[in-house]
């Protein structure tokens, strides 16, 4: 690392420029990762609250949460099947409505006699609702208040709990009537034998939402492209830098430095630049996230900050290593002009 550190001190402006470039890309990657996590949370977090390991939808040719509609008879039959098998299950009906002027997603639930698919699922009585924190904030309602919930009429707020969203709208939980259709059944195991239904794992359920699938795919592709660009930019910088240093490299090799030692030294230099750049970009993202507050759907977690940062660092080193591969075959004699 001796030569690497001397280079960093001798060419401060050049290395500062590439460090700032890496920091800007790290800011883009980490900020977009946090935004992707926030949008995902606002799209499907209510499904995680319902829980379960399996989901049963109506057979529309393909599993589609947008088009699924289980009639009351099928819903009851599925809940009875779950109860007979001792499998916890919850029928869930999804609708959209208004509380005052606020648009909300209404998730109506009804458990099997053996209990709901997950103990955290809100199960209000008829005429009562449970508001998510976002719905309570948007409507100004609190536990004990009464409100008009669209076509459902006057309801009473039992509680405010959870940061649940569905399809980018705050969630209102209510009771699913026995004669009302359900959208899907969440259960602790597969429920078979009911004609006109299809079963999938609970993990596949978000992927059956067309809007969520398109949104997450496009944002993930942008993140991947930014990571690839990081590797290319780092590799291009070190390619140019190494070419400019060929006389110095030749001198070092003539003095006995091995190709492996020179590659390790250059990779150490790249590691310093990447560590500083990625660290600065990540710090800027965390600072911006604290200032944004609830202004944007943004999630700060290990998967949206640390993992993208480590991926950028690793791919940057890969790009730098690819740029230095020719050092192994560089001849001290030819580099010093011995072929003239």
Protein backbone atom coordinates (compact mmCIF):
# COMPACT_ATOMS: atom_id res chain seq x y z
CA UNK A 1 0.00 0.00 0.00
CA UNK A 2 3.06 2.31 0.16
CA UNK A 3 2.88 3.32 -3.51
CA UNK A 4 -0.93 3.50 -3.43
CA UNK A 5 -0.96 5.96 -0.54
CA UNK A 6 1.78 8.09 -2.11
CA UNK A 7 -0.25 8.22 -5.35
CA UNK A 8 -3.33 9.30 -3.43
CA UNK A 9 -1.40 12.16 -1.83
CA UNK A 10 0.40 13.17 -5.03
CA UNK A 11 -2.69 13.31 -7.25
CA UNK A 12 -5.31 14.56 -4.79
CA UNK A 13 -7.45 16.30 -7.41
CA UNK A 14 -7.68 13.28 -9.68
CA UNK A 15 -8.57 10.88 -6.90
CA UNK A 16 -10.95 13.37 -5.33
CA UNK A 17 -12.83 13.52 -8.64
CA UNK A 18 -13.31 9.75 -8.89
CA UNK A 19 -14.19 9.59 -5.18
CA UNK A 20 -16.91 12.21 -5.66
CA UNK A 21 -18.17 10.27 -8.69
CA UNK A 22 -18.37 7.07 -6.64
CA UNK A 23 -20.11 8.96 -3.82
CA UNK A 24 -22.72 10.33 -6.24
CA UNK A 25 -23.41 6.85 -7.60
CA UNK A 26 -23.59 5.45 -4.06
CA UNK A 27 -26.09 8.18 -3.20
CA UNK A 28 -28.20 7.24 -6.24
CA UNK A 29 -28.07 3.51 -5.50
CA UNK A 30 -28.81 3.75 -1.77
CA UNK A 31 -31.49 6.40 -2.19
CA UNK A 32 -33.20 4.43 -4.94
CA UNK A 33 -32.96 1.26 -2.83
CA UNK A 34 -34.63 3.05 0.08
CA UNK A 35 -37.30 4.43 -2.23
CA UNK A 36 -37.88 0.97 -3.70
CA UNK A 37 -38.27 -0.44 -0.19
CA UNK A 38 -40.70 2.34 0.70
CA UNK A 39 -42.81 1.84 -2.40
CA UNK A 40 -42.86 -1.91 -1.81
CA UNK A 41 -43.98 -1.33 1.77
CA UNK A 42 -46.81 0.95 0.64
CA UNK A 43 -47.84 -1.60 -1.95
CA UNK A 44 -47.97 -4.91 -0.07
CA UNK A 45 -47.30 -4.42 3.67
CA UNK A 46 -50.89 -5.38 4.56
CA UNK A 47 -50.33 -8.81 2.99
CA UNK A 48 -47.46 -9.40 5.43
CA UNK A 49 -49.77 -8.54 8.33
CA UNK A 50 -52.28 -11.15 7.18
CA UNK A 51 -49.47 -13.70 7.11
CA UNK A 52 -49.91 -17.40 6.43
CA UNK A 53 -47.82 -19.73 4.31
CA UNK A 54 -50.35 -20.37 1.51
CA UNK A 55 -52.96 -18.38 -0.38
CA UNK A 56 -55.99 -19.57 -2.32
CA UNK A 57 -57.48 -17.46 -5.11
CA UNK A 58 -60.20 -17.97 -7.70
CA UNK A 59 -58.96 -19.66 -10.87
CA UNK A 60 -58.95 -17.00 -13.61
CA UNK A 61 -56.46 -18.77 -15.85
CA UNK A 62 -53.55 -17.50 -13.81
CA UNK A 63 -53.11 -16.49 -10.19
CA UNK A 64 -54.15 -12.83 -10.07
CA UNK A 65 -54.97 -10.92 -6.92
CA UNK A 66 -56.41 -8.13 -9.06
CA UNK A 67 -59.02 -10.41 -10.67
CA UNK A 68 -59.64 -12.99 -7.94
CA UNK A 69 -63.17 -13.23 -6.56
CA UNK A 70 -64.26 -16.12 -4.38
CA UNK A 71 -68.04 -16.36 -4.06
CA UNK A 72 -69.51 -16.72 -0.55
CA UNK A 73 -70.08 -20.48 -1.00
CA UNK A 74 -66.46 -21.12 -2.03
CA UNK A 75 -65.20 -18.88 0.76
CA UNK A 76 -67.19 -20.78 3.38
CA UNK A 77 -66.14 -24.14 1.91
CA UNK A 78 -62.47 -23.16 2.07
CA UNK A 79 -62.73 -21.95 5.66
CA UNK A 80 -64.55 -25.16 6.62
CA UNK A 81 -61.85 -27.23 4.91
CA UNK A 82 -59.20 -25.35 6.86
CA UNK A 83 -61.08 -25.86 10.14
CA UNK A 84 -61.49 -29.61 9.50
CA UNK A 85 -57.78 -29.93 8.76
CA UNK A 86 -56.84 -27.86 11.79
CA UNK A 87 -55.22 -25.21 9.59
CA UNK A 88 -55.52 -21.56 10.66
CA UNK A 89 -56.98 -19.47 7.85
CA UNK A 90 -58.41 -16.04 7.11
CA UNK A 91 -60.76 -14.99 4.33
CA UNK A 92 -59.82 -11.56 3.02
CA UNK A 93 -61.94 -9.28 0.89
CA UNK A 94 -60.22 -6.29 -0.72
CA UNK A 95 -62.10 -3.15 -1.68
CA UNK A 96 -61.51 0.59 -2.03
CA UNK A 97 -63.60 3.23 -0.34
CA UNK A 98 -63.61 6.71 1.16
CA UNK A 99 -63.54 8.03 4.71
CA UNK A 100 -64.57 11.62 4.23
CA UNK A 101 -62.42 12.70 1.32
CA UNK A 102 -59.61 10.23 1.97
CA UNK A 103 -59.21 7.19 -0.26
CA UNK A 104 -58.43 3.98 1.63
CA UNK A 105 -58.03 0.30 0.92
CA UNK A 106 -60.58 -1.74 2.84
CA UNK A 107 -59.44 -5.21 3.89
CA UNK A 108 -62.30 -7.20 5.36
CA UNK A 109 -61.31 -10.33 7.29
CA UNK A 110 -63.08 -13.42 8.60
CA UNK A 111 -61.15 -16.23 10.32
CA UNK A 112 -61.77 -19.95 10.16
CA UNK A 113 -63.05 -21.55 13.35
CA UNK A 114 -59.51 -22.77 13.99
CA UNK A 115 -58.30 -19.17 14.07
CA UNK A 116 -56.77 -16.64 11.67
CA UNK A 117 -53.74 -17.35 9.50
CA UNK A 118 -51.70 -15.00 11.68
CA UNK A 119 -52.43 -13.74 15.19
CA UNK A 120 -51.49 -10.18 14.16
CA UNK A 121 -54.35 -9.93 11.66
CA UNK A 122 -56.96 -7.39 12.86
CA UNK A 123 -60.40 -8.98 13.27
CA UNK A 124 -62.94 -6.25 14.08
CA UNK A 125 -66.62 -7.01 14.67
CA UNK A 126 -69.41 -5.97 12.32
CA UNK A 127 -69.85 -2.22 12.23
CA UNK A 128 -66.38 -1.67 13.64
CA UNK A 129 -63.05 -0.92 11.97
CA UNK A 130 -59.36 -0.84 12.82
CA UNK A 131 -57.36 1.96 11.22
CA UNK A 132 -53.74 1.75 10.18
CA UNK A 133 -51.56 4.56 11.50
CA UNK A 134 -51.47 6.18 8.05
CA UNK A 135 -55.27 6.05 7.75
CA UNK A 136 -55.69 7.58 11.20
CA UNK A 137 -53.27 10.36 10.35
CA UNK A 138 -54.98 11.07 7.02
CA UNK A 139 -58.50 11.12 8.47
CA UNK A 140 -57.80 12.54 11.92
CA UNK A 141 -59.78 9.73 13.55
CA UNK A 142 -58.93 7.97 16.80
CA UNK A 143 -60.22 4.99 18.76
CA UNK A 144 -63.85 5.50 19.77
CA UNK A 145 -64.69 7.88 16.91
CA UNK A 146 -67.46 7.21 14.39
CA UNK A 147 -67.08 7.81 10.64
CA UNK A 148 -68.80 7.24 7.31
CA UNK A 149 -67.02 4.52 5.33
CA UNK A 150 -68.43 4.85 1.82
CA UNK A 151 -71.13 2.31 1.01
CA UNK A 152 -70.50 0.51 4.31
CA UNK A 153 -72.20 3.29 6.25
CA UNK A 154 -71.38 4.48 9.74
CA UNK A 155 -68.65 2.53 11.54
CA UNK A 156 -66.87 2.85 14.87
CA UNK A 157 -63.11 2.94 15.18
CA UNK A 158 -61.96 0.22 17.59
CA UNK A 159 -58.24 0.89 17.45
CA UNK A 160 -55.33 2.37 15.51
CA UNK A 161 -52.51 -0.08 14.89
CA UNK A 162 -49.82 -0.98 12.40
CA UNK A 163 -48.31 0.80 9.42
CA UNK A 164 -50.31 -1.17 6.86
CA UNK A 165 -50.76 -0.16 3.23
CA UNK A 166 -52.19 -1.85 0.18
CA UNK A 167 -51.70 -0.62 -3.37
CA UNK A 168 -50.27 2.68 -2.06
CA UNK A 169 -53.29 3.47 0.08
CA UNK A 170 -53.64 3.33 3.87
CA UNK A 171 -55.59 0.32 5.10
CA UNK A 172 -58.86 0.12 7.00
CA UNK A 173 -59.60 -3.30 8.50
CA UNK A 174 -63.19 -4.43 8.90
CA UNK A 175 -65.30 -7.58 9.27
CA UNK A 176 -66.06 -9.74 6.21
CA UNK A 177 -69.73 -10.74 6.23
CA UNK A 178 -70.65 -14.38 5.62
CA UNK A 179 -72.59 -13.47 2.46
CA UNK A 180 -69.79 -11.29 1.04
CA UNK A 181 -67.28 -12.53 -1.57
CA UNK A 182 -63.60 -12.81 -0.63
CA UNK A 183 -60.57 -11.94 -2.70
CA UNK A 184 -58.36 -14.70 -1.32
CA UNK A 185 -57.88 -17.07 1.59
CA UNK A 186 -54.64 -16.87 3.60
CA UNK A 187 -53.88 -20.11 5.43
CA UNK A 188 -51.20 -21.96 7.34
CA UNK A 189 -51.13 -24.70 4.71
CA UNK A 190 -52.49 -25.57 1.25
CA UNK A 191 -56.26 -25.91 0.86
CA UNK A 192 -57.20 -28.32 -1.93
CA UNK A 193 -60.34 -29.86 -3.32
CA UNK A 194 -62.44 -26.76 -4.02
CA UNK A 195 -63.29 -26.43 -7.73
CA UNK A 196 -62.53 -23.11 -9.37
CA UNK A 197 -59.69 -22.19 -7.02
CA UNK A 198 -55.91 -22.14 -7.31
CA UNK A 199 -53.38 -22.31 -4.51
CA UNK A 200 -50.00 -20.56 -4.32
CA UNK A 201 -47.47 -19.86 -1.59
CA UNK A 202 -47.93 -16.67 0.42
CA UNK A 203 -44.59 -15.41 -0.87
CA UNK A 204 -45.92 -15.49 -4.44
CA UNK A 205 -48.98 -13.42 -3.59
CA UNK A 206 -47.42 -9.94 -4.12
CA UNK A 207 -46.21 -11.03 -7.55
CA UNK A 208 -49.80 -11.60 -8.65
CA UNK A 209 -50.46 -7.84 -8.39
CA UNK A 210 -49.72 -6.36 -11.82
CA UNK A 211 -48.95 -2.88 -10.49
CA UNK A 212 -46.53 -4.14 -7.83
CA UNK A 213 -44.82 -6.49 -10.29
CA UNK A 214 -44.25 -3.74 -12.87
CA UNK A 215 -43.12 -1.22 -10.25
CA UNK A 216 -40.66 -3.49 -8.46
CA UNK A 217 -39.21 -4.88 -11.71
CA UNK A 218 -38.48 -1.46 -13.18
CA UNK A 219 -36.91 -0.09 -9.98
CA UNK A 220 -34.82 -3.23 -9.50
CA UNK A 221 -33.52 -2.96 -13.07
CA UNK A 222 -32.49 0.66 -12.47
CA UNK A 223 -30.61 -0.39 -9.33
CA UNK A 224 -28.84 -3.19 -11.19
CA UNK A 225 -27.83 -0.85 -14.00
CA UNK A 226 -26.41 1.65 -11.51
CA UNK A 227 -24.33 -1.10 -9.90
CA UNK A 228 -23.00 -2.15 -13.30
CA UNK A 229 -22.18 1.47 -14.13
CA UNK A 230 -20.21 1.68 -10.87
CA UNK A 231 -18.02 -1.23 -11.97
CA UNK A 232 -17.55 0.25 -15.45
CA UNK A 233 -16.66 3.74 -14.21
CA UNK A 234 -14.20 2.41 -11.63
CA UNK A 235 -12.65 0.09 -14.19
CA UNK A 236 -12.34 2.87 -16.78
CA UNK A 237 -10.65 5.19 -14.30
CA UNK A 238 -8.06 2.65 -13.25
CA UNK A 239 -7.45 1.60 -16.84
CA UNK A 240 -6.49 5.15 -17.78
CA UNK A 241 -4.59 5.68 -14.53
CA UNK A 242 -2.57 2.47 -14.98
CA UNK A 243 -1.71 3.28 -18.60
CA UNK A 244 -0.39 6.67 -17.51
CA UNK A 245 1.74 5.00 -14.85
CA UNK A 246 3.38 2.45 -17.15
CA UNK A 247 6.89 3.96 -16.79
CA UNK A 248 6.55 3.87 -12.98
CA UNK A 249 5.26 0.30 -13.10
CA UNK A 250 8.17 -0.71 -15.36
CA UNK A 251 10.65 0.81 -12.97
CA UNK A 252 9.13 -1.01 -10.01
CA UNK A 253 9.15 -4.33 -11.87
CA UNK A 254 12.76 -3.76 -12.92
CA UNK A 255 13.59 -3.18 -9.25
CA UNK A 256 12.05 -6.52 -8.35
CA UNK A 257 8.40 -5.80 -7.64
CA UNK A 258 6.19 -8.70 -8.64
CA UNK A 259 3.04 -8.35 -10.72
CA UNK A 260 0.99 -9.76 -7.84
CA UNK A 261 2.34 -7.13 -5.44
CA UNK A 262 1.54 -4.33 -7.90
CA UNK A 263 -2.00 -5.63 -8.44
CA UNK A 264 -2.59 -5.89 -4.69
CA UNK A 265 -1.23 -2.35 -4.23
CA UNK A 266 -3.52 -0.98 -6.95
CA UNK A 267 -6.53 -2.86 -5.56
CA UNK A 268 -5.78 -1.40 -2.13
CA UNK A 269 -5.86 2.04 -3.74
CA UNK A 270 -9.21 1.23 -5.36
CA UNK A 271 -10.53 -0.09 -2.04
CA UNK A 272 -9.68 3.21 -0.30
CA UNK A 273 -11.43 5.25 -2.99
CA UNK A 274 -14.48 3.00 -3.01
CA UNK A 275 -14.73 2.86 0.78
CA UNK A 276 -14.59 6.66 1.11
CA UNK A 277 -16.93 7.28 -1.85
CA UNK A 278 -19.52 4.67 -0.86
CA UNK A 279 -19.35 5.76 2.78
CA UNK A 280 -19.97 9.41 1.89
CA UNK A 281 -22.84 8.48 -0.44
CA UNK A 282 -24.44 6.29 2.23
CA UNK A 283 -24.08 9.03 4.86
CA UNK A 284 -25.75 11.52 2.52
CA UNK A 285 -28.62 9.09 1.96
CA UNK A 286 -29.17 8.58 5.69
CA UNK A 287 -29.07 12.33 6.25
CA UNK A 288 -31.56 12.92 3.45
CA UNK A 289 -33.84 10.17 4.81
CA UNK A 290 -33.95 11.84 8.23
CA UNK A 291 -34.84 15.18 6.64
CA UNK A 292 -37.49 13.72 4.33
CA UNK A 293 -39.50 12.15 7.15
CA UNK A 294 -42.92 11.14 5.81
CA UNK A 295 -42.55 13.26 2.69
CA UNK A 296 -41.57 10.23 0.59
CA UNK A 297 -42.13 6.49 0.99
CA UNK A 298 -38.62 5.66 2.15
CA UNK A 299 -37.36 2.65 4.13
CA UNK A 300 -34.00 2.61 5.92
CA UNK A 301 -32.93 -0.98 6.61
CA UNK A 302 -30.00 -3.30 6.12
CA UNK A 303 -31.34 -4.43 2.75
CA UNK A 304 -31.72 -0.86 1.45
CA UNK A 305 -28.44 0.59 2.79
CA UNK A 306 -25.75 -1.90 3.79
CA UNK A 307 -26.33 -4.52 1.10
CA UNK A 308 -26.31 -2.05 -1.84
CA UNK A 309 -23.19 -0.40 -0.36
CA UNK A 310 -21.39 -3.74 -0.13
CA UNK A 311 -22.49 -4.62 -3.67
CA UNK A 312 -21.10 -1.31 -4.98
CA UNK A 313 -17.82 -1.85 -3.17
CA UNK A 314 -17.45 -5.42 -4.48
CA UNK A 315 -18.37 -4.54 -8.07
CA UNK A 316 -16.05 -1.53 -7.99
CA UNK A 317 -13.17 -3.82 -6.98
CA UNK A 318 -14.10 -6.21 -9.76
CA UNK A 319 -13.98 -3.35 -12.27
CA UNK A 320 -10.61 -2.20 -10.94
CA UNK A 321 -9.23 -5.75 -11.02
CA UNK A 322 -10.30 -6.20 -14.63
CA UNK A 323 -8.46 -3.00 -15.55
CA UNK A 324 -5.25 -4.26 -13.91
CA UNK A 325 -5.17 -7.72 -15.42
CA UNK A 326 -2.55 -6.79 -18.05
CA UNK A 327 0.01 -6.04 -15.31
CA UNK A 328 0.72 -9.74 -14.97
CA UNK A 329 2.11 -9.92 -18.51
CA UNK A 330 3.81 -6.51 -18.60
CA UNK A 331 7.55 -6.82 -19.34
CA UNK A 332 9.92 -4.50 -17.48
CA UNK A 333 12.25 -4.45 -20.49
CA UNK A 334 9.57 -3.49 -23.03
CA UNK A 335 7.96 -0.95 -20.70
CA UNK A 336 11.31 0.74 -20.19
CA UNK A 337 11.85 1.00 -23.92
CA UNK A 338 14.06 -2.04 -24.34
CA UNK A 339 12.37 -2.87 -27.66
CA UNK A 340 13.65 0.28 -29.34
